């Protein structure tokens, strides 16, 4: 397959999928690599290259490069204002303590 890696001494008896890393006798898929030769890391339903950031999706035949239609955009995170706990503590230290009875 395109961009596939075959390990030294591997005996290939079947077609190798695109982007696959195959090793052993008989050759078996042990992982996937990016077009820049870096291993792909699983992120959610897809695979992502840690070096160049290209995205891939798993298919029945192996892995294929993701298109804009197949990639999901990350959800927007709502940012809430930080609590003012530090300011409240400073204010508490500034006020003198009431004497105990």
Protein backbone atom coordinates (compact mmCIF):
# COMPACT_ATOMS: atom_id res chain seq x y z
CA UNK A 1 0.00 0.00 0.00
CA UNK A 2 0.91 3.63 -0.24
CA UNK A 3 3.24 4.87 2.55
CA UNK A 4 3.30 1.37 4.08
CA UNK A 5 6.29 0.11 6.10
CA UNK A 6 7.36 -3.52 5.88
CA UNK A 7 9.63 -4.73 8.68
CA UNK A 8 12.92 -6.46 7.92
CA UNK A 9 12.40 -10.19 7.42
CA UNK A 10 8.62 -9.90 7.15
CA UNK A 11 7.00 -12.43 4.83
CA UNK A 12 4.25 -10.61 2.95
CA UNK A 13 1.57 -13.05 1.81
CA UNK A 14 -1.36 -10.63 1.30
CA UNK A 15 -1.72 -7.06 0.06
CA UNK A 16 -0.53 -4.50 2.62
CA UNK A 17 -3.04 -1.71 3.45
CA UNK A 18 -2.15 1.96 2.94
CA UNK A 19 -0.16 3.57 5.81
CA UNK A 20 0.24 0.17 7.57
CA UNK A 21 3.29 -1.07 9.48
CA UNK A 22 3.61 -4.83 8.97
CA UNK A 23 6.09 -7.20 10.65
CA UNK A 24 6.51 -10.93 11.22
CA UNK A 25 6.04 -14.21 9.44
CA UNK A 26 3.44 -13.95 8.03
CA UNK A 27 3.35 -10.16 7.94
CA UNK A 28 0.67 -8.66 10.21
CA UNK A 29 -0.42 -5.07 10.73
CA UNK A 30 1.09 -3.69 13.94
CA UNK A 31 0.19 -0.03 13.51
CA UNK A 32 -0.03 2.85 11.07
CA UNK A 33 2.29 5.65 9.99
CA UNK A 34 1.77 9.13 8.57
CA UNK A 35 3.02 10.35 5.21
CA UNK A 36 5.88 12.00 7.14
CA UNK A 37 6.94 8.54 8.50
CA UNK A 38 5.79 9.17 12.09
CA UNK A 39 3.52 6.75 13.99
CA UNK A 40 -0.15 7.70 14.19
CA UNK A 41 -1.78 8.17 17.60
CA UNK A 42 -5.43 7.35 18.22
CA UNK A 43 -7.56 10.35 19.13
CA UNK A 44 -11.21 9.54 19.48
CA UNK A 45 -12.54 7.82 16.37
CA UNK A 46 -9.59 8.84 14.20
CA UNK A 47 -5.81 8.84 14.07
CA UNK A 48 -3.59 11.92 14.18
CA UNK A 49 0.08 12.50 13.43
CA UNK A 50 1.86 14.08 16.38
CA UNK A 51 4.46 15.77 14.19
CA UNK A 52 2.62 17.26 11.21
CA UNK A 53 -0.98 17.08 12.50
CA UNK A 54 -2.49 15.24 9.52
CA UNK A 55 -5.68 13.37 10.37
CA UNK A 56 -6.66 9.88 9.27
CA UNK A 57 -9.78 7.75 9.68
CA UNK A 58 -10.10 4.00 10.08
CA UNK A 59 -11.89 2.23 7.26
CA UNK A 60 -12.79 -1.37 6.56
CA UNK A 61 -9.70 -1.66 4.35
CA UNK A 62 -7.30 0.00 6.82
CA UNK A 63 -6.65 3.73 7.15
CA UNK A 64 -7.23 6.63 4.77
CA UNK A 65 -6.44 10.30 4.98
CA UNK A 66 -9.33 12.30 6.41
CA UNK A 67 -11.11 14.93 4.37
CA UNK A 68 -12.81 18.03 5.76
CA UNK A 69 -16.14 16.19 5.63
CA UNK A 70 -14.94 13.32 7.84
CA UNK A 71 -13.12 15.35 10.47
CA UNK A 72 -15.01 16.70 13.40
CA UNK A 73 -14.28 20.12 14.74
CA UNK A 74 -13.47 20.28 18.44
CA UNK A 75 -16.34 21.45 20.59
CA UNK A 76 -16.11 25.01 21.81
CA UNK A 77 -15.41 25.17 25.48
CA UNK A 78 -17.30 27.67 27.53
CA UNK A 79 -14.99 29.73 29.67
CA UNK A 80 -16.39 30.84 32.97
CA UNK A 81 -14.83 33.68 34.91
CA UNK A 82 -12.36 32.64 37.56
CA UNK A 83 -13.71 32.67 41.09
CA UNK A 84 -12.58 35.56 43.20
CA UNK A 85 -11.51 33.37 46.09
CA UNK A 86 -8.07 34.96 46.30
CA UNK A 87 -9.54 38.44 46.52
CA UNK A 88 -11.94 37.29 49.26
CA UNK A 89 -9.06 35.79 51.26
CA UNK A 90 -7.06 38.99 50.98
CA UNK A 91 -10.06 40.98 52.18
CA UNK A 92 -10.53 38.61 55.12
CA UNK A 93 -6.88 39.05 56.16
CA UNK A 94 -7.14 42.83 55.93
CA UNK A 95 -10.05 43.06 58.38
CA UNK A 96 -9.11 42.71 62.01
CA UNK A 97 -10.38 39.66 63.83
CA UNK A 98 -13.11 40.21 66.40
CA UNK A 99 -12.12 39.37 69.94
CA UNK A 100 -13.66 36.21 71.35
CA UNK A 101 -15.83 36.42 74.41
